[in-house]
């Protein structure tokens, strides 16, 4: 079944999330930057949160349930699926706490830094765990039809935000990944990606006046 499941999109999303976690770490560890201002106003934080929410809710709603059904009666593998869902649930409160701290006059940079550090640690660990254990399980147990449904769910939730999120997703990706991700798009969308979407994304100072590229 592994030949029928192409994980390019999954790895592309994970790479993009790791890229942004690096920026978040830089913002909160540099003495020259104001993390409260940057996170409260930057497009980078909003794009990161939106992409992460879409990715995790699509997994929660369209991927993990299929995997649970396929693994019925296999306790050890089923426990892994529950671990994935639990790791998702642990990340949401950290993002909410960071957002709350950015509008809290009493919150200091150190507190925000601690929250971001917890987010970086938690999400980095989850991505690694998913790649090491869950993705091989997906390739072995998920049917092509189930995988296509997950991909459709993910794409539908991106929907009209594709002009912003697709260049974000493919920022720094290799040529093969870009080609694979653009292939399902109709020709007008591929032309718009190259001519309009990418230039607009590159012009976006997503982390605020040179705070992070």
N, C-alpha and C. Protein backbone atom coordinates (compact mmCIF):
# COMPACT_ATOMS: atom_id res chain seq x y z
N UNK A 1 0.82 -1.21 0.00
CA UNK A 1 0.00 0.00 0.00
C UNK A 1 0.85 1.26 0.00
N UNK A 2 2.11 1.17 0.38
CA UNK A 2 2.95 2.36 0.49
C UNK A 2 3.12 3.07 -0.84
N UNK A 3 3.08 2.31 -1.99
CA UNK A 3 3.24 2.94 -3.29
C UNK A 3 2.06 3.85 -3.63
N UNK A 4 0.92 3.62 -3.00
CA UNK A 4 -0.28 4.40 -3.31
C UNK A 4 -0.42 5.63 -2.44
N UNK A 5 0.35 5.74 -1.41
CA UNK A 5 0.25 6.87 -0.48
C UNK A 5 1.48 7.76 -0.65
N UNK A 6 1.28 8.94 -1.20
CA UNK A 6 2.36 9.90 -1.40
C UNK A 6 2.34 10.89 -0.23
N UNK A 7 3.38 10.88 0.58
CA UNK A 7 3.43 11.71 1.79
C UNK A 7 4.08 13.07 1.55
N UNK A 8 4.25 13.46 0.29
CA UNK A 8 4.91 14.73 0.00
C UNK A 8 4.24 15.90 0.71
N UNK A 9 2.92 15.97 0.65
CA UNK A 9 2.21 17.09 1.26
C UNK A 9 2.40 17.11 2.78
N UNK A 10 2.43 15.93 3.38
CA UNK A 10 2.62 15.85 4.83
C UNK A 10 4.00 16.38 5.23
N UNK A 11 5.03 15.93 4.52
CA UNK A 11 6.37 16.40 4.85
C UNK A 11 6.54 17.88 4.52
N UNK A 12 5.89 18.36 3.47
CA UNK A 12 5.97 19.79 3.14
C UNK A 12 5.39 20.64 4.27
N UNK A 13 4.26 20.20 4.81
CA UNK A 13 3.66 20.94 5.93
C UNK A 13 4.55 20.89 7.16
N UNK A 14 5.08 19.74 7.46
CA UNK A 14 5.96 19.62 8.62
C UNK A 14 7.19 20.50 8.48
N UNK A 15 7.77 20.53 7.28
CA UNK A 15 8.95 21.38 7.05
C UNK A 15 8.60 22.85 7.22
N UNK A 16 7.43 23.25 6.72
CA UNK A 16 7.01 24.65 6.85
C UNK A 16 6.79 25.02 8.31
N UNK A 17 6.18 24.14 9.07
CA UNK A 17 5.96 24.41 10.50
C UNK A 17 7.29 24.52 11.24
N UNK A 18 8.21 23.64 10.93
CA UNK A 18 9.54 23.71 11.57
C UNK A 18 10.24 25.03 11.22
N UNK A 19 10.12 25.45 9.97
CA UNK A 19 10.72 26.71 9.54
C UNK A 19 10.19 27.87 10.39
N UNK A 20 8.90 27.90 10.62
CA UNK A 20 8.31 28.99 11.40
C UNK A 20 8.64 28.87 12.88
N UNK A 21 8.77 27.65 13.38
CA UNK A 21 9.19 27.49 14.77
C UNK A 21 10.58 28.08 14.99
N UNK A 22 11.45 27.96 13.98
CA UNK A 22 12.78 28.56 14.07
C UNK A 22 12.67 30.08 14.21
N UNK A 23 11.77 30.68 13.44
CA UNK A 23 11.56 32.12 13.54
C UNK A 23 11.01 32.50 14.92
N UNK A 24 10.05 31.73 15.40
CA UNK A 24 9.48 32.01 16.72
C UNK A 24 10.54 31.94 17.80
N UNK A 25 11.39 30.94 17.72
CA UNK A 25 12.47 30.81 18.70
C UNK A 25 13.41 32.01 18.63
N UNK A 26 13.73 32.43 17.44
CA UNK A 26 14.61 33.59 17.26
C UNK A 26 13.99 34.86 17.85
N UNK A 27 12.70 35.04 17.59
CA UNK A 27 12.02 36.24 18.06
C UNK A 27 12.02 36.34 19.58
N UNK A 28 11.85 35.21 20.24
CA UNK A 28 11.71 35.24 21.70
C UNK A 28 13.03 35.06 22.43
N UNK A 29 14.10 34.80 21.73
CA UNK A 29 15.40 34.67 22.40
C UNK A 29 16.34 35.83 22.11
N UNK A 30 15.96 36.69 21.17
CA UNK A 30 16.80 37.84 20.85
C UNK A 30 16.48 39.00 21.78
N UNK A 31 17.50 39.59 22.35
CA UNK A 31 17.31 40.73 23.25
C UNK A 31 16.93 42.00 22.50
N UNK A 32 17.07 41.99 21.18
CA UNK A 32 16.79 43.18 20.37
C UNK A 32 15.36 43.23 19.86
N UNK A 33 14.57 42.20 20.11
CA UNK A 33 13.23 42.14 19.54
C UNK A 33 12.18 42.16 20.65
N UNK A 34 10.98 42.64 20.29
CA UNK A 34 9.86 42.71 21.22
C UNK A 34 8.86 41.62 20.83
N UNK A 35 8.92 40.46 21.46
CA UNK A 35 8.05 39.36 21.04
C UNK A 35 6.57 39.68 21.19
N UNK A 36 6.20 40.46 22.20
CA UNK A 36 4.78 40.78 22.38
C UNK A 36 4.25 41.55 21.18
N UNK A 37 4.99 42.56 20.74
CA UNK A 37 4.55 43.36 19.60
C UNK A 37 4.53 42.52 18.33
N UNK A 38 5.58 41.75 18.11
CA UNK A 38 5.68 40.97 16.87
C UNK A 38 4.55 39.95 16.78
N UNK A 39 4.31 39.23 17.86
CA UNK A 39 3.28 38.19 17.81
C UNK A 39 1.88 38.78 17.77
N UNK A 40 1.71 39.97 18.31
CA UNK A 40 0.39 40.60 18.29
C UNK A 40 0.04 41.18 16.93
N UNK A 41 1.04 41.50 16.12
CA UNK A 41 0.78 42.23 14.89
C UNK A 41 1.25 41.55 13.61
N UNK A 42 2.08 40.55 13.72
CA UNK A 42 2.73 40.02 12.52
C UNK A 42 1.84 39.06 11.74
N UNK A 43 1.99 39.10 10.42
CA UNK A 43 1.31 38.14 9.55
C UNK A 43 1.88 36.74 9.75
N UNK A 44 3.16 36.66 10.12
CA UNK A 44 3.79 35.35 10.29
C UNK A 44 3.12 34.50 11.35
N UNK A 45 2.80 35.10 12.48
CA UNK A 45 2.13 34.35 13.55
C UNK A 45 0.74 33.92 13.11
N UNK A 46 0.02 34.80 12.41
CA UNK A 46 -1.32 34.45 11.95
C UNK A 46 -1.28 33.33 10.93
N UNK A 47 -0.35 33.38 9.99
CA UNK A 47 -0.22 32.33 8.99
C UNK A 47 0.14 30.99 9.63
N UNK A 48 1.07 31.04 10.57
CA UNK A 48 1.47 29.82 11.28
C UNK A 48 0.28 29.20 11.99
N UNK A 49 -0.47 29.99 12.73
CA UNK A 49 -1.61 29.46 13.47
C UNK A 49 -2.67 28.90 12.53
N UNK A 50 -2.94 29.62 11.46
CA UNK A 50 -3.97 29.17 10.52
C UNK A 50 -3.57 27.85 9.87
N UNK A 51 -2.33 27.77 9.39
CA UNK A 51 -1.88 26.54 8.74
C UNK A 51 -1.88 25.36 9.71
N UNK A 52 -1.42 25.60 10.92
CA UNK A 52 -1.38 24.52 11.91
C UNK A 52 -2.78 24.05 12.26
N UNK A 53 -3.71 24.99 12.42
CA UNK A 53 -5.09 24.63 12.76
C UNK A 53 -5.72 23.80 11.64
N UNK A 54 -5.53 24.23 10.40
CA UNK A 54 -6.08 23.48 9.27
C UNK A 54 -5.50 22.07 9.23
N UNK A 55 -4.19 21.98 9.39
CA UNK A 55 -3.52 20.69 9.29
C UNK A 55 -3.97 19.74 10.39
N UNK A 56 -3.97 20.21 11.61
CA UNK A 56 -4.33 19.33 12.72
C UNK A 56 -5.80 18.96 12.73
N UNK A 57 -6.68 19.90 12.42
CA UNK A 57 -8.12 19.56 12.42
C UNK A 57 -8.45 18.62 11.26
N UNK A 58 -7.76 18.76 10.13
CA UNK A 58 -7.98 17.82 9.03
C UNK A 58 -7.54 16.42 9.43
N UNK A 59 -6.41 16.32 10.13
CA UNK A 59 -5.99 15.01 10.63
C UNK A 59 -6.99 14.47 11.64
N UNK A 60 -7.43 15.32 12.56
CA UNK A 60 -8.35 14.87 13.61
C UNK A 60 -9.68 14.41 13.03
N UNK A 61 -10.15 15.08 11.98
CA UNK A 61 -11.48 14.80 11.44
C UNK A 61 -11.50 13.79 10.31
N UNK A 62 -10.39 13.69 9.55
CA UNK A 62 -10.44 12.86 8.34
C UNK A 62 -9.37 11.78 8.26
N UNK A 63 -8.33 11.87 9.09
CA UNK A 63 -7.26 10.87 9.01
C UNK A 63 -7.27 9.92 10.19
N UNK A 64 -7.25 10.47 11.40
CA UNK A 64 -7.23 9.59 12.57
C UNK A 64 -8.47 8.70 12.66
N UNK A 65 -9.68 9.20 12.34
CA UNK A 65 -10.84 8.29 12.41
C UNK A 65 -10.72 7.10 11.45
N UNK A 66 -10.21 7.36 10.23
CA UNK A 66 -10.02 6.26 9.28
C UNK A 66 -9.01 5.26 9.81
N UNK A 67 -7.94 5.78 10.38
CA UNK A 67 -6.90 4.89 10.90
C UNK A 67 -7.43 4.10 12.09
N UNK A 68 -8.23 4.73 12.95
CA UNK A 68 -8.83 4.01 14.07
C UNK A 68 -9.67 2.83 13.58
N UNK A 69 -10.49 3.09 12.56
CA UNK A 69 -11.34 2.03 12.03
C UNK A 69 -10.50 0.88 11.48
N UNK A 70 -9.46 1.22 10.77
CA UNK A 70 -8.62 0.19 10.14
C UNK A 70 -7.83 -0.62 11.16
N UNK A 71 -7.59 -0.01 12.33
CA UNK A 71 -6.76 -0.67 13.34
C UNK A 71 -7.58 -1.31 14.46
N UNK A 72 -8.87 -1.38 14.27
CA UNK A 72 -9.72 -1.98 15.30
C UNK A 72 -9.21 -3.39 15.64
N UNK A 73 -9.01 -3.62 16.92
CA UNK A 73 -8.49 -4.91 17.38
C UNK A 73 -6.99 -4.97 17.50
N UNK A 74 -6.31 -3.89 17.13
CA UNK A 74 -4.84 -3.84 17.25
C UNK A 74 -4.50 -2.77 18.30
N UNK A 75 -4.44 -3.17 19.53
CA UNK A 75 -4.37 -2.23 20.65
C UNK A 75 -3.13 -1.33 20.60
N UNK A 76 -1.98 -1.90 20.30
CA UNK A 76 -0.75 -1.11 20.33
C UNK A 76 -0.76 -0.03 19.27
N UNK A 77 -1.15 -0.37 18.05
CA UNK A 77 -1.21 0.62 16.98
C UNK A 77 -2.32 1.63 17.24
N UNK A 78 -3.43 1.19 17.78
CA UNK A 78 -4.53 2.10 18.09
C UNK A 78 -4.11 3.13 19.13
N UNK A 79 -3.30 2.70 20.08
CA UNK A 79 -2.81 3.62 21.11
C UNK A 79 -1.97 4.73 20.50
N UNK A 80 -1.27 4.44 19.43
CA UNK A 80 -0.47 5.46 18.76
C UNK A 80 -1.37 6.54 18.16
N UNK A 81 -2.49 6.14 17.58
CA UNK A 81 -3.42 7.12 17.03
C UNK A 81 -3.94 8.03 18.14
N UNK A 82 -4.26 7.45 19.27
CA UNK A 82 -4.74 8.27 20.39
C UNK A 82 -3.65 9.20 20.88
N UNK A 83 -2.41 8.76 20.84
CA UNK A 83 -1.29 9.63 21.23
C UNK A 83 -1.17 10.82 20.30
N UNK A 84 -1.36 10.60 19.00
CA UNK A 84 -1.32 11.71 18.03
C UNK A 84 -2.39 12.75 18.36
N UNK A 85 -3.60 12.29 18.62
CA UNK A 85 -4.70 13.20 18.94
C UNK A 85 -4.42 13.95 20.23
N UNK A 86 -3.86 13.26 21.22
CA UNK A 86 -3.56 13.91 22.50
C UNK A 86 -2.47 14.97 22.34
N UNK A 87 -1.49 14.70 21.49
CA UNK A 87 -0.44 15.69 21.25
C UNK A 87 -1.01 16.93 20.57
N UNK A 88 -1.95 16.74 19.66
CA UNK A 88 -2.63 17.89 19.06
C UNK A 88 -3.31 18.71 20.15
N UNK A 89 -4.04 18.03 21.01
CA UNK A 89 -4.82 18.73 22.04
C UNK A 89 -3.94 19.50 23.00
N UNK A 90 -2.70 19.05 23.20
CA UNK A 90 -1.80 19.74 24.12
C UNK A 90 -1.23 21.01 23.51
N UNK A 91 -1.24 21.12 22.21
CA UNK A 91 -0.66 22.29 21.54
C UNK A 91 -1.63 23.46 21.54
N UNK A 92 -2.91 23.21 21.38
CA UNK A 92 -3.89 24.30 21.30
C UNK A 92 -3.86 25.24 22.50
N UNK A 93 -3.79 24.74 23.75
CA UNK A 93 -3.75 25.66 24.89
C UNK A 93 -2.50 26.54 24.90
N UNK A 94 -1.40 26.05 24.39
CA UNK A 94 -0.18 26.86 24.34
C UNK A 94 -0.35 28.04 23.40
N UNK A 95 -0.96 27.79 22.25
CA UNK A 95 -1.20 28.89 21.31
C UNK A 95 -2.17 29.90 21.91
N UNK A 96 -3.21 29.42 22.58
CA UNK A 96 -4.15 30.32 23.23
C UNK A 96 -3.46 31.14 24.31
N UNK A 97 -2.57 30.53 25.06
CA UNK A 97 -1.86 31.24 26.12
C UNK A 97 -0.92 32.30 25.54
N UNK A 98 -0.28 32.00 24.43
CA UNK A 98 0.58 32.99 23.78
C UNK A 98 -0.25 34.17 23.31
N UNK A 99 -1.38 33.89 22.68
CA UNK A 99 -2.25 34.98 22.23
C UNK A 99 -2.71 35.84 23.41
N UNK A 100 -3.07 35.18 24.49
CA UNK A 100 -3.51 35.94 25.68
C UNK A 100 -2.39 36.81 26.23
N UNK A 101 -1.17 36.29 26.21
CA UNK A 101 -0.04 37.04 26.75
C UNK A 101 0.29 38.26 25.91
N UNK A 102 0.03 38.19 24.60
CA UNK A 102 0.36 39.33 23.75
C UNK A 102 -0.54 40.53 24.01
N UNK A 103 -1.70 40.32 24.62
CA UNK A 103 -2.61 41.43 24.93
C UNK A 103 -2.70 41.69 26.43
N UNK A 104 -1.85 41.03 27.19
CA UNK A 104 -1.83 41.20 28.64
C UNK A 104 -0.73 42.21 28.99
N UNK A 105 -1.14 43.34 29.52
CA UNK A 105 -0.17 44.38 29.83
C UNK A 105 0.86 43.92 30.85
N UNK A 106 0.49 42.97 31.69
CA UNK A 106 1.40 42.50 32.73
C UNK A 106 2.37 41.42 32.24
N UNK A 107 2.11 40.87 31.05
CA UNK A 107 2.97 39.79 30.55
C UNK A 107 4.31 40.36 30.10
N UNK A 108 5.39 39.74 30.55
CA UNK A 108 6.73 40.22 30.17
C UNK A 108 7.33 39.30 29.11
N UNK A 109 8.38 39.75 28.43
CA UNK A 109 8.98 38.93 27.38
C UNK A 109 9.43 37.55 27.86
N UNK A 110 9.86 37.48 29.12
CA UNK A 110 10.29 36.19 29.64
C UNK A 110 9.17 35.17 29.68
N UNK A 111 7.98 35.63 30.09
CA UNK A 111 6.82 34.74 30.14
C UNK A 111 6.43 34.27 28.75
N UNK A 112 6.40 35.21 27.80
CA UNK A 112 6.08 34.84 26.42
C UNK A 112 7.13 33.88 25.89
N UNK A 113 8.38 34.13 26.22
CA UNK A 113 9.46 33.24 25.78
C UNK A 113 9.27 31.83 26.31
N UNK A 114 8.84 31.70 27.56
CA UNK A 114 8.60 30.37 28.13
C UNK A 114 7.47 29.65 27.40
N UNK A 115 6.42 30.39 27.07
CA UNK A 115 5.29 29.79 26.36
C UNK A 115 5.71 29.34 24.96
N UNK A 116 6.44 30.20 24.28
CA UNK A 116 6.89 29.85 22.93
C UNK A 116 7.85 28.67 22.98
N UNK A 117 8.72 28.64 24.00
CA UNK A 117 9.63 27.50 24.13
C UNK A 117 8.85 26.20 24.33
N UNK A 118 7.79 26.26 25.11
CA UNK A 118 6.96 25.06 25.30
C UNK A 118 6.29 24.65 24.00
N UNK A 119 5.85 25.65 23.21
CA UNK A 119 5.23 25.35 21.92
C UNK A 119 6.25 24.72 20.97
N UNK A 120 7.43 25.32 20.90
CA UNK A 120 8.48 24.79 20.02
C UNK A 120 8.82 23.35 20.41
N UNK A 121 9.01 23.12 21.71
CA UNK A 121 9.35 21.78 22.18
C UNK A 121 8.23 20.78 21.89
N UNK A 122 7.00 21.18 22.21
CA UNK A 122 5.87 20.27 22.03
C UNK A 122 5.59 19.95 20.58
N UNK A 123 5.59 20.97 19.73
CA UNK A 123 5.26 20.73 18.33
C UNK A 123 6.40 20.02 17.61
N UNK A 124 7.64 20.38 17.93
CA UNK A 124 8.77 19.69 17.32
C UNK A 124 8.75 18.20 17.68
N UNK A 125 8.47 17.91 18.94
CA UNK A 125 8.39 16.52 19.37
C UNK A 125 7.25 15.78 18.69
N UNK A 126 6.12 16.45 18.53
CA UNK A 126 4.98 15.82 17.86
C UNK A 126 5.30 15.50 16.41
N UNK A 127 5.89 16.46 15.70
CA UNK A 127 6.22 16.23 14.29
C UNK A 127 7.18 15.07 14.13
N UNK A 128 8.17 15.01 15.00
CA UNK A 128 9.14 13.91 14.94
C UNK A 128 8.46 12.58 15.25
N UNK A 129 7.61 12.57 16.26
CA UNK A 129 6.89 11.35 16.64
C UNK A 129 6.01 10.87 15.49
N UNK A 130 5.31 11.80 14.87
CA UNK A 130 4.43 11.45 13.76
C UNK A 130 5.23 10.87 12.59
N UNK A 131 6.35 11.50 12.28
CA UNK A 131 7.16 11.02 11.16
C UNK A 131 7.79 9.66 11.45
N UNK A 132 8.23 9.48 12.67
CA UNK A 132 8.93 8.24 13.01
C UNK A 132 8.00 7.04 13.09
N UNK A 133 6.79 7.25 13.58
CA UNK A 133 5.92 6.11 13.88
C UNK A 133 4.59 6.16 13.13
N UNK A 134 3.93 7.32 13.12
CA UNK A 134 2.59 7.39 12.54
C UNK A 134 2.60 7.33 11.02
N UNK A 135 3.53 8.01 10.36
CA UNK A 135 3.52 8.00 8.90
C UNK A 135 3.77 6.61 8.31
N UNK A 136 4.71 5.83 8.87
CA UNK A 136 4.82 4.45 8.37
C UNK A 136 3.54 3.65 8.57
N UNK A 137 2.86 3.90 9.68
CA UNK A 137 1.59 3.21 9.94
C UNK A 137 0.54 3.64 8.92
N UNK A 138 0.51 4.92 8.59
CA UNK A 138 -0.43 5.42 7.59
C UNK A 138 -0.17 4.76 6.25
N UNK A 139 1.09 4.68 5.86
CA UNK A 139 1.41 4.06 4.57
C UNK A 139 1.00 2.59 4.53
N UNK A 140 1.05 1.95 5.67
CA UNK A 140 0.72 0.52 5.72
C UNK A 140 -0.78 0.26 5.81
N UNK A 141 -1.51 1.14 6.50
CA UNK A 141 -2.89 0.81 6.86
C UNK A 141 -3.96 1.66 6.18
N UNK A 142 -3.63 2.86 5.74
CA UNK A 142 -4.65 3.74 5.15
C UNK A 142 -4.82 3.42 3.68
N UNK A 143 -6.06 3.33 3.21
CA UNK A 143 -6.32 3.04 1.81
C UNK A 143 -6.13 4.30 0.96
N UNK A 144 -5.89 4.14 -0.34
CA UNK A 144 -5.79 5.33 -1.21
C UNK A 144 -7.04 6.21 -1.15
N UNK A 145 -8.20 5.59 -1.03
CA UNK A 145 -9.44 6.37 -0.96
C UNK A 145 -9.50 7.19 0.33
N UNK A 146 -9.08 6.61 1.43
CA UNK A 146 -9.06 7.33 2.71
C UNK A 146 -8.04 8.47 2.67
N UNK A 147 -6.90 8.19 2.06
CA UNK A 147 -5.87 9.22 1.95
C UNK A 147 -6.36 10.37 1.07
N UNK A 148 -7.04 10.04 -0.03
CA UNK A 148 -7.58 11.08 -0.91
C UNK A 148 -8.62 11.93 -0.17
N UNK A 149 -9.43 11.29 0.67
CA UNK A 149 -10.43 12.03 1.45
C UNK A 149 -9.74 13.01 2.41
N UNK A 150 -8.68 12.56 3.06
CA UNK A 150 -7.93 13.45 3.93
C UNK A 150 -7.38 14.64 3.14
N UNK A 151 -6.79 14.36 1.98
CA UNK A 151 -6.25 15.43 1.16
C UNK A 151 -7.31 16.42 0.72
N UNK A 152 -8.49 15.92 0.36
CA UNK A 152 -9.59 16.79 -0.04
C UNK A 152 -10.08 17.64 1.13
N UNK A 153 -10.16 17.03 2.30
CA UNK A 153 -10.57 17.78 3.49
C UNK A 153 -9.59 18.91 3.78
N UNK A 154 -8.31 18.58 3.71
CA UNK A 154 -7.26 19.57 3.95
C UNK A 154 -7.37 20.71 2.94
N UNK A 155 -7.50 20.37 1.67
CA UNK A 155 -7.57 21.38 0.62
C UNK A 155 -8.81 22.26 0.76
N UNK A 156 -9.93 21.66 1.11
CA UNK A 156 -11.16 22.42 1.27
C UNK A 156 -11.04 23.45 2.40
N UNK A 157 -10.30 23.10 3.44
CA UNK A 157 -10.17 24.02 4.57
C UNK A 157 -9.20 25.16 4.27
N UNK A 158 -8.28 24.91 3.36
CA UNK A 158 -7.43 26.01 2.88
C UNK A 158 -8.26 26.92 2.00
N UNK A 159 -9.01 26.33 1.07
CA UNK A 159 -9.99 27.02 0.25
C UNK A 159 -9.51 28.34 -0.33
N UNK A 160 -10.24 29.43 -0.06
CA UNK A 160 -9.90 30.72 -0.65
C UNK A 160 -8.60 31.33 -0.13
N UNK A 161 -8.04 30.75 0.91
CA UNK A 161 -6.77 31.27 1.45
C UNK A 161 -5.56 30.65 0.77
N UNK A 162 -5.78 29.85 -0.28
CA UNK A 162 -4.66 29.24 -1.00
C UNK A 162 -3.64 30.25 -1.52
N UNK A 163 -4.05 31.44 -2.01
CA UNK A 163 -3.05 32.39 -2.49
C UNK A 163 -2.05 32.82 -1.43
N UNK A 164 -2.44 32.76 -0.16
CA UNK A 164 -1.52 33.10 0.92
C UNK A 164 -0.83 31.87 1.48
N UNK A 165 -1.59 30.79 1.65
CA UNK A 165 -1.05 29.63 2.36
C UNK A 165 -0.18 28.73 1.49
N UNK A 166 -0.46 28.66 0.19
CA UNK A 166 0.35 27.78 -0.64
C UNK A 166 1.78 28.30 -0.80
N UNK A 167 2.00 29.59 -1.09
CA UNK A 167 3.39 30.08 -1.10
C UNK A 167 4.07 29.95 0.26
N UNK A 168 3.31 30.14 1.33
CA UNK A 168 3.85 29.94 2.68
C UNK A 168 4.30 28.50 2.85
N UNK A 169 3.45 27.56 2.44
CA UNK A 169 3.76 26.15 2.59
C UNK A 169 5.02 25.76 1.82
N UNK A 170 5.19 26.32 0.61
CA UNK A 170 6.27 25.89 -0.28
C UNK A 170 7.49 26.79 -0.20
N UNK A 171 7.51 27.71 0.73
CA UNK A 171 8.68 28.57 0.93
C UNK A 171 9.88 27.72 1.32
N UNK A 172 10.89 27.66 0.44
CA UNK A 172 12.09 26.88 0.72
C UNK A 172 12.00 25.43 0.30
N UNK A 173 10.87 24.98 -0.24
CA UNK A 173 10.72 23.59 -0.66
C UNK A 173 11.55 23.32 -1.91
N UNK A 174 11.94 22.07 -2.10
CA UNK A 174 12.71 21.72 -3.30
C UNK A 174 11.79 21.63 -4.52
N UNK A 175 12.41 21.54 -5.69
CA UNK A 175 11.64 21.58 -6.94
C UNK A 175 10.66 20.43 -7.05
N UNK A 176 11.06 19.25 -6.61
CA UNK A 176 10.17 18.09 -6.71
C UNK A 176 8.92 18.29 -5.85
N UNK A 177 9.13 18.81 -4.64
CA UNK A 177 7.99 19.04 -3.76
C UNK A 177 7.05 20.09 -4.34
N UNK A 178 7.62 21.19 -4.86
CA UNK A 178 6.79 22.23 -5.46
C UNK A 178 5.99 21.66 -6.63
N UNK A 179 6.65 20.92 -7.50
CA UNK A 179 5.96 20.35 -8.66
C UNK A 179 4.85 19.40 -8.24
N UNK A 180 5.12 18.57 -7.24
CA UNK A 180 4.10 17.62 -6.76
C UNK A 180 2.91 18.34 -6.17
N UNK A 181 3.16 19.39 -5.41
CA UNK A 181 2.07 20.11 -4.76
C UNK A 181 1.24 20.94 -5.74
N UNK A 182 1.87 21.42 -6.80
CA UNK A 182 1.15 22.25 -7.76
C UNK A 182 0.43 21.43 -8.82
N UNK A 183 0.85 20.18 -9.02
CA UNK A 183 0.31 19.36 -10.09
C UNK A 183 -1.22 19.22 -10.07
N UNK A 184 -1.87 19.07 -8.90
CA UNK A 184 -3.33 18.92 -8.92
C UNK A 184 -4.09 20.20 -9.25
N UNK A 185 -3.43 21.34 -9.23
CA UNK A 185 -4.12 22.60 -9.46
C UNK A 185 -4.45 22.77 -10.94
N UNK A 186 -5.56 23.44 -11.25
CA UNK A 186 -5.83 23.77 -12.65
C UNK A 186 -4.79 24.75 -13.17
N UNK A 187 -4.61 24.76 -14.46
CA UNK A 187 -3.57 25.59 -15.06
C UNK A 187 -3.68 27.07 -14.66
N UNK A 188 -4.89 27.67 -14.64
CA UNK A 188 -4.96 29.08 -14.23
C UNK A 188 -4.43 29.31 -12.81
N UNK A 189 -4.67 28.36 -11.92
CA UNK A 189 -4.16 28.51 -10.55
C UNK A 189 -2.65 28.39 -10.51
N UNK A 190 -2.09 27.47 -11.30
CA UNK A 190 -0.63 27.34 -11.35
C UNK A 190 0.00 28.62 -11.90
N UNK A 191 -0.65 29.20 -12.92
CA UNK A 191 -0.13 30.46 -13.47
C UNK A 191 -0.22 31.58 -12.43
N UNK A 192 -1.33 31.62 -11.69
CA UNK A 192 -1.49 32.66 -10.66
C UNK A 192 -0.47 32.46 -9.55
N UNK A 193 -0.18 31.21 -9.22
CA UNK A 193 0.82 30.94 -8.18
C UNK A 193 2.15 31.59 -8.54
N UNK A 194 2.61 31.37 -9.76
CA UNK A 194 3.91 31.89 -10.18
C UNK A 194 3.88 33.40 -10.39
N UNK A 195 2.80 33.90 -10.98
CA UNK A 195 2.76 35.30 -11.39
C UNK A 195 2.32 36.26 -10.30
N UNK A 196 1.48 35.76 -9.38
CA UNK A 196 0.85 36.67 -8.41
C UNK A 196 1.05 36.23 -6.97
N UNK A 197 0.76 34.95 -6.68
CA UNK A 197 0.77 34.52 -5.29
C UNK A 197 2.16 34.58 -4.67
N UNK A 198 3.15 34.03 -5.37
CA UNK A 198 4.50 34.01 -4.82
C UNK A 198 5.08 35.42 -4.67
N UNK A 199 4.97 36.29 -5.69
CA UNK A 199 5.47 37.65 -5.49
C UNK A 199 4.81 38.38 -4.32
N UNK A 200 3.51 38.19 -4.15
CA UNK A 200 2.83 38.84 -3.02
C UNK A 200 3.33 38.31 -1.69
N UNK A 201 3.56 37.00 -1.64
CA UNK A 201 4.09 36.41 -0.41
C UNK A 201 5.49 36.93 -0.11
N UNK A 202 6.34 36.99 -1.12
CA UNK A 202 7.70 37.44 -0.92
C UNK A 202 7.77 38.91 -0.48
N UNK A 203 6.76 39.68 -0.88
CA UNK A 203 6.72 41.09 -0.48
C UNK A 203 6.20 41.28 0.94
N UNK A 204 5.66 40.20 1.51
CA UNK A 204 5.07 40.29 2.85
C UNK A 204 6.16 40.23 3.91
N UNK A 205 6.22 41.24 4.75
CA UNK A 205 7.16 41.23 5.88
C UNK A 205 6.46 40.49 7.02
N UNK A 206 6.47 39.16 6.92
CA UNK A 206 5.56 38.40 7.77
C UNK A 206 5.92 38.39 9.24
N UNK A 207 7.17 38.66 9.59
CA UNK A 207 7.53 38.69 11.00
C UNK A 207 7.88 40.08 11.50
N UNK A 208 7.62 41.10 10.69
CA UNK A 208 7.67 42.48 11.20
C UNK A 208 9.02 43.18 11.08
N UNK A 209 9.13 44.02 10.10
CA UNK A 209 10.24 44.95 9.92
C UNK A 209 11.60 44.31 10.19
N UNK A 210 11.86 43.27 9.44
CA UNK A 210 13.18 42.64 9.53
C UNK A 210 13.41 41.81 10.77
N UNK A 211 12.35 41.59 11.57
CA UNK A 211 12.54 40.79 12.79
C UNK A 211 12.93 39.37 12.46
N UNK A 212 12.34 38.84 11.41
CA UNK A 212 12.70 37.51 10.95
C UNK A 212 12.35 37.46 9.47
N UNK A 213 13.20 36.85 8.69
CA UNK A 213 12.99 36.84 7.23
C UNK A 213 11.82 35.94 6.86
